[in-house]
Amino acid sequence: MPRGDKSAYTGKQKRKAEHIEEGYEKRGVKKEEAERRAWATVNKESGGGKKSGSGRGRKTTNVSSKRGGKLGGKASAARSAADRSRAAKKGAATRKRNAVKRSPTRKAAGKR
């Protein structure tokens, strides 16, 4: 098997790498670098190829994906303080309104 051959990877791993690659490209990373990082991430999370003959059954971890999700928030940061405050007040009002619908025991549990 030549270096860089992806035949030992499952369809799910290939789709995951493609999705990660698109995310990097959206952030302005060059195509080749995005592809390299995507496969490095898939390897880190799943421990390499998963097809039979490549040592099935290793545990997977989503720590890289979790970190990537935390890098977002640009849209929220771009909003004005007044916009964010208005949205927070609206959410608080909704929670308060819905708290009336909850049973007294659940309401007490939420106050802890």
N, C-alpha and C. Protein backbone atom coordinates (compact mmCIF):
# COMPACT_ATOMS: atom_id res chain seq x y z
N MET A 1 0.85 -1.18 0.00
CA MET A 1 0.00 0.00 0.00
C MET A 1 0.89 1.24 0.00
N PRO A 2 0.78 2.07 -1.04
CA PRO A 2 1.62 3.27 -1.11
C PRO A 2 1.26 4.29 -0.03
N ARG A 3 2.22 5.11 0.27
CA ARG A 3 2.00 6.14 1.29
C ARG A 3 0.90 7.10 0.83
N GLY A 4 0.01 7.42 1.73
CA GLY A 4 -1.09 8.33 1.40
C GLY A 4 -2.31 7.62 0.84
N ASP A 5 -2.27 6.28 0.73
CA ASP A 5 -3.40 5.52 0.21
C ASP A 5 -4.53 5.52 1.24
N LYS A 6 -5.73 5.82 0.80
CA LYS A 6 -6.86 5.95 1.72
C LYS A 6 -7.80 4.75 1.67
N SER A 7 -7.37 3.63 1.08
CA SER A 7 -8.26 2.47 0.93
C SER A 7 -8.59 1.80 2.26
N ALA A 8 -7.77 2.01 3.29
CA ALA A 8 -8.03 1.38 4.59
C ALA A 8 -9.03 2.17 5.43
N TYR A 9 -9.48 3.31 4.92
CA TYR A 9 -10.42 4.15 5.66
C TYR A 9 -11.85 3.83 5.26
N THR A 10 -12.76 3.92 6.22
CA THR A 10 -14.18 3.68 5.94
C THR A 10 -14.78 4.91 5.27
N GLY A 11 -15.97 4.74 4.73
CA GLY A 11 -16.68 5.86 4.11
C GLY A 11 -16.93 6.98 5.10
N LYS A 12 -17.26 6.59 6.33
CA LYS A 12 -17.53 7.58 7.36
C LYS A 12 -16.29 8.41 7.65
N GLN A 13 -15.12 7.75 7.71
CA GLN A 13 -13.88 8.48 7.97
C GLN A 13 -13.56 9.43 6.82
N LYS A 14 -13.83 8.99 5.59
CA LYS A 14 -13.57 9.84 4.42
C LYS A 14 -14.49 11.06 4.42
N ARG A 15 -15.77 10.84 4.76
CA ARG A 15 -16.72 11.96 4.83
C ARG A 15 -16.32 12.95 5.92
N LYS A 16 -15.87 12.40 7.04
CA LYS A 16 -15.45 13.24 8.17
C LYS A 16 -14.27 14.11 7.77
N ALA A 17 -13.29 13.51 7.08
CA ALA A 17 -12.11 14.25 6.62
C ALA A 17 -12.52 15.35 5.65
N GLU A 18 -13.46 15.05 4.77
CA GLU A 18 -13.94 16.03 3.79
C GLU A 18 -14.59 17.22 4.50
N HIS A 19 -15.40 16.91 5.50
CA HIS A 19 -16.10 17.95 6.26
C HIS A 19 -15.11 18.83 7.02
N ILE A 20 -14.12 18.21 7.64
CA ILE A 20 -13.10 18.96 8.38
C ILE A 20 -12.30 19.84 7.42
N GLU A 21 -11.98 19.29 6.27
CA GLU A 21 -11.23 20.03 5.25
C GLU A 21 -12.00 21.28 4.81
N GLU A 22 -13.30 21.13 4.58
CA GLU A 22 -14.12 22.29 4.19
C GLU A 22 -14.09 23.37 5.25
N GLY A 23 -14.12 22.95 6.51
CA GLY A 23 -14.07 23.91 7.61
C GLY A 23 -12.78 24.70 7.62
N TYR A 24 -11.66 24.02 7.38
CA TYR A 24 -10.37 24.71 7.32
C TYR A 24 -10.32 25.68 6.14
N GLU A 25 -10.86 25.25 5.00
CA GLU A 25 -10.85 26.11 3.81
C GLU A 25 -11.69 27.37 4.04
N LYS A 26 -12.80 27.23 4.76
CA LYS A 26 -13.64 28.39 5.09
C LYS A 26 -12.87 29.39 5.93
N ARG A 27 -11.95 28.88 6.74
CA ARG A 27 -11.14 29.76 7.60
C ARG A 27 -9.93 30.34 6.88
N GLY A 28 -9.77 29.97 5.60
CA GLY A 28 -8.71 30.57 4.80
C GLY A 28 -7.43 29.76 4.70
N VAL A 29 -7.48 28.47 5.08
CA VAL A 29 -6.31 27.61 4.97
C VAL A 29 -6.24 27.08 3.53
N LYS A 30 -5.03 26.98 2.96
CA LYS A 30 -4.87 26.49 1.59
C LYS A 30 -5.35 25.04 1.47
N LYS A 31 -5.77 24.66 0.25
CA LYS A 31 -6.36 23.34 -0.02
C LYS A 31 -5.49 22.18 0.47
N GLU A 32 -4.21 22.19 0.10
CA GLU A 32 -3.31 21.08 0.47
C GLU A 32 -3.12 21.00 1.98
N GLU A 33 -2.96 22.15 2.60
CA GLU A 33 -2.77 22.19 4.06
C GLU A 33 -4.05 21.76 4.77
N ALA A 34 -5.20 22.17 4.23
CA ALA A 34 -6.49 21.79 4.82
C ALA A 34 -6.68 20.27 4.76
N GLU A 35 -6.32 19.68 3.62
CA GLU A 35 -6.45 18.23 3.46
C GLU A 35 -5.52 17.49 4.43
N ARG A 36 -4.29 17.99 4.55
CA ARG A 36 -3.31 17.37 5.46
C ARG A 36 -3.81 17.41 6.90
N ARG A 37 -4.30 18.57 7.30
CA ARG A 37 -4.81 18.73 8.68
C ARG A 37 -6.05 17.86 8.91
N ALA A 38 -6.92 17.77 7.90
CA ALA A 38 -8.15 16.99 8.04
C ALA A 38 -7.82 15.52 8.30
N TRP A 39 -6.90 14.95 7.51
CA TRP A 39 -6.55 13.54 7.70
C TRP A 39 -5.79 13.33 9.01
N ALA A 40 -5.01 14.31 9.42
CA ALA A 40 -4.31 14.22 10.71
C ALA A 40 -5.33 14.18 11.84
N THR A 41 -6.40 14.97 11.70
CA THR A 41 -7.45 15.00 12.72
C THR A 41 -8.20 13.68 12.76
N VAL A 42 -8.54 13.13 11.59
CA VAL A 42 -9.24 11.84 11.52
C VAL A 42 -8.38 10.75 12.16
N ASN A 43 -7.08 10.76 11.86
CA ASN A 43 -6.17 9.76 12.44
C ASN A 43 -6.08 9.91 13.95
N LYS A 44 -6.04 11.15 14.42
CA LYS A 44 -5.95 11.39 15.86
C LYS A 44 -7.21 10.90 16.57
N GLU A 45 -8.36 11.16 15.96
CA GLU A 45 -9.63 10.82 16.60
C GLU A 45 -9.94 9.33 16.54
N SER A 46 -9.60 8.67 15.42
CA SER A 46 -10.00 7.27 15.26
C SER A 46 -8.84 6.28 15.29
N GLY A 47 -7.63 6.77 15.30
CA GLY A 47 -6.47 5.87 15.37
C GLY A 47 -6.13 5.22 14.04
N GLY A 48 -6.47 5.85 12.92
CA GLY A 48 -6.10 5.33 11.61
C GLY A 48 -7.26 4.66 10.90
N GLY A 49 -6.94 3.88 9.85
CA GLY A 49 -7.96 3.22 9.03
C GLY A 49 -8.75 2.21 9.83
N LYS A 50 -10.04 2.06 9.53
CA LYS A 50 -10.92 1.18 10.29
C LYS A 50 -11.40 -0.04 9.49
N LYS A 51 -11.07 -0.14 8.21
CA LYS A 51 -11.56 -1.26 7.42
C LYS A 51 -10.89 -2.55 7.88
N SER A 52 -11.52 -3.70 7.59
CA SER A 52 -10.99 -4.99 8.04
C SER A 52 -9.57 -5.18 7.51
N GLY A 53 -8.73 -5.74 8.34
CA GLY A 53 -7.33 -5.91 7.98
C GLY A 53 -6.49 -4.76 8.46
N SER A 54 -7.13 -3.72 8.99
CA SER A 54 -6.36 -2.57 9.47
C SER A 54 -6.47 -2.44 10.98
N GLY A 55 -6.95 -3.50 11.64
CA GLY A 55 -7.05 -3.49 13.09
C GLY A 55 -8.27 -2.77 13.58
N ARG A 56 -9.43 -3.37 13.37
CA ARG A 56 -10.70 -2.75 13.78
C ARG A 56 -10.81 -2.61 15.29
N GLY A 57 -11.79 -1.83 15.73
CA GLY A 57 -12.18 -1.82 17.12
C GLY A 57 -11.44 -0.90 18.05
N ARG A 58 -10.69 0.06 17.54
CA ARG A 58 -10.04 1.01 18.45
C ARG A 58 -11.04 2.07 18.86
N LYS A 59 -10.87 2.59 20.05
CA LYS A 59 -11.78 3.62 20.55
C LYS A 59 -11.55 4.93 19.80
N THR A 60 -12.62 5.71 19.71
CA THR A 60 -12.50 7.02 19.06
C THR A 60 -12.64 8.11 20.11
N THR A 61 -12.08 9.26 19.80
CA THR A 61 -12.20 10.42 20.69
C THR A 61 -12.60 11.62 19.85
N ASN A 62 -13.41 12.49 20.40
CA ASN A 62 -13.86 13.66 19.66
C ASN A 62 -13.28 14.94 20.22
N VAL A 63 -12.14 14.84 20.87
CA VAL A 63 -11.56 16.00 21.54
C VAL A 63 -11.21 17.12 20.54
N SER A 64 -10.74 16.76 19.35
CA SER A 64 -10.39 17.77 18.35
C SER A 64 -11.64 18.49 17.85
N SER A 65 -12.71 17.73 17.65
CA SER A 65 -13.96 18.32 17.18
C SER A 65 -14.52 19.27 18.23
N LYS A 66 -14.40 18.87 19.48
CA LYS A 66 -14.91 19.71 20.57
C LYS A 66 -14.16 21.04 20.59
N ARG A 67 -12.86 20.98 20.41
CA ARG A 67 -12.03 22.18 20.40
C ARG A 67 -12.40 23.07 19.21
N GLY A 68 -12.61 22.45 18.05
CA GLY A 68 -12.97 23.20 16.85
C GLY A 68 -14.26 23.96 17.01
N GLY A 69 -15.23 23.36 17.69
CA GLY A 69 -16.50 24.02 17.93
C GLY A 69 -16.35 25.26 18.79
N LYS A 70 -15.39 25.23 19.69
CA LYS A 70 -15.18 26.36 20.60
C LYS A 70 -14.51 27.54 19.89
N LEU A 71 -13.93 27.30 18.71
CA LEU A 71 -13.26 28.37 17.97
C LEU A 71 -14.26 29.30 17.29
N GLY A 72 -15.53 28.92 17.27
CA GLY A 72 -16.56 29.73 16.61
C GLY A 72 -16.94 30.94 17.45
N GLY A 73 -18.10 31.50 17.18
CA GLY A 73 -18.60 32.62 17.96
C GLY A 73 -18.32 33.97 17.35
N LYS A 74 -17.81 34.00 16.12
CA LYS A 74 -17.51 35.29 15.47
C LYS A 74 -18.78 36.08 15.20
N ALA A 75 -19.86 35.38 14.85
CA ALA A 75 -21.12 36.07 14.54
C ALA A 75 -21.65 36.79 15.78
N SER A 76 -21.57 36.11 16.91
CA SER A 76 -22.03 36.70 18.17
C SER A 76 -21.15 37.87 18.57
N ALA A 77 -19.85 37.73 18.36
CA ALA A 77 -18.92 38.79 18.73
C ALA A 77 -19.10 40.04 17.87
N ALA A 78 -19.59 39.84 16.64
CA ALA A 78 -19.77 40.96 15.71
C ALA A 78 -21.02 41.78 16.04
N ARG A 79 -21.94 41.19 16.82
CA ARG A 79 -23.17 41.91 17.17
C ARG A 79 -22.88 42.99 18.20
N SER A 80 -23.69 44.02 18.17
CA SER A 80 -23.50 45.12 19.13
C SER A 80 -23.92 44.67 20.52
N ALA A 81 -23.45 45.41 21.53
CA ALA A 81 -23.78 45.10 22.92
C ALA A 81 -25.29 45.17 23.14
N ALA A 82 -25.93 46.14 22.49
CA ALA A 82 -27.38 46.30 22.63
C ALA A 82 -28.13 45.09 22.07
N ASP A 83 -27.66 44.58 20.93
CA ASP A 83 -28.28 43.39 20.32
C ASP A 83 -28.16 42.18 21.24
N ARG A 84 -26.95 41.98 21.77
CA ARG A 84 -26.72 40.84 22.66
C ARG A 84 -27.55 40.96 23.93
N SER A 85 -27.63 42.16 24.46
CA SER A 85 -28.41 42.40 25.68
C SER A 85 -29.89 42.14 25.44
N ARG A 86 -30.38 42.59 24.29
CA ARG A 86 -31.80 42.39 23.94
C ARG A 86 -32.10 40.89 23.84
N ALA A 87 -31.20 40.15 23.21
CA ALA A 87 -31.39 38.71 23.05
C ALA A 87 -31.36 38.01 24.41
N ALA A 88 -30.47 38.45 25.30
CA ALA A 88 -30.36 37.86 26.63
C ALA A 88 -31.63 38.11 27.44
N LYS A 89 -32.16 39.32 27.33
CA LYS A 89 -33.40 39.67 28.06
C LYS A 89 -34.58 38.86 27.53
N LYS A 90 -34.61 38.67 26.21
CA LYS A 90 -35.68 37.90 25.60
C LYS A 90 -35.62 36.45 26.08
N GLY A 91 -34.41 35.89 26.14
CA GLY A 91 -34.23 34.51 26.62
C GLY A 91 -34.63 34.37 28.08
N ALA A 92 -34.26 35.35 28.89
CA ALA A 92 -34.60 35.32 30.32
C ALA A 92 -36.12 35.36 30.50
N ALA A 93 -36.78 36.20 29.70
CA ALA A 93 -38.24 36.30 29.78
C ALA A 93 -38.90 34.98 29.40
N THR A 94 -38.37 34.33 28.37
CA THR A 94 -38.91 33.04 27.93
C THR A 94 -38.74 31.99 29.03
N ARG A 95 -37.55 31.95 29.63
CA ARG A 95 -37.31 30.98 30.70
C ARG A 95 -38.24 31.22 31.88
N LYS A 96 -38.45 32.49 32.20
CA LYS A 96 -39.33 32.85 33.32
C LYS A 96 -40.76 32.41 33.01
N ARG A 97 -41.20 32.65 31.77
CA ARG A 97 -42.54 32.28 31.35
C ARG A 97 -42.72 30.76 31.40
N ASN A 98 -41.70 30.03 30.96
CA ASN A 98 -41.79 28.56 30.93
C ASN A 98 -41.67 27.96 32.32
N ALA A 99 -41.05 28.66 33.25
CA ALA A 99 -40.89 28.16 34.61
C ALA A 99 -42.25 28.02 35.29
N VAL A 100 -43.19 28.86 34.91
CA VAL A 100 -44.54 28.80 35.47
C VAL A 100 -45.20 27.47 35.09
N LYS A 101 -44.88 26.97 33.91
CA LYS A 101 -45.48 25.73 33.41
C LYS A 101 -44.90 24.49 34.10
N ARG A 102 -43.69 24.60 34.67
CA ARG A 102 -43.05 23.44 35.30
C ARG A 102 -43.67 23.11 36.64
N SER A 103 -43.51 21.87 37.06
CA SER A 103 -44.04 21.46 38.36
C SER A 103 -43.20 22.08 39.47
N PRO A 104 -43.77 22.23 40.68
CA PRO A 104 -43.04 22.85 41.80
C PRO A 104 -41.74 22.12 42.15
N THR A 105 -41.72 20.80 42.04
CA THR A 105 -40.50 20.05 42.39
C THR A 105 -39.38 20.33 41.39
N ARG A 106 -39.73 20.40 40.11
CA ARG A 106 -38.71 20.69 39.09
C ARG A 106 -38.22 22.12 39.21
N LYS A 107 -39.13 23.01 39.59
CA LYS A 107 -38.77 24.42 39.75
C LYS A 107 -37.78 24.56 40.90
N ALA A 108 -38.02 23.82 41.99
CA ALA A 108 -37.13 23.86 43.15
C ALA A 108 -35.76 23.28 42.80
N ALA A 109 -35.75 22.24 41.97
CA ALA A 109 -34.49 21.62 41.56
C ALA A 109 -33.67 22.58 40.71
N GLY A 110 -34.33 23.41 39.93
CA GLY A 110 -33.64 24.37 39.07
C GLY A 110 -33.01 25.52 39.83
N LYS A 111 -33.48 25.79 41.05
CA LYS A 111 -32.98 26.92 41.84
C LYS A 111 -31.69 26.59 42.58
N ARG A 112 -31.33 25.30 42.66
CA ARG A 112 -30.12 24.91 43.39
C ARG A 112 -28.88 25.52 42.84
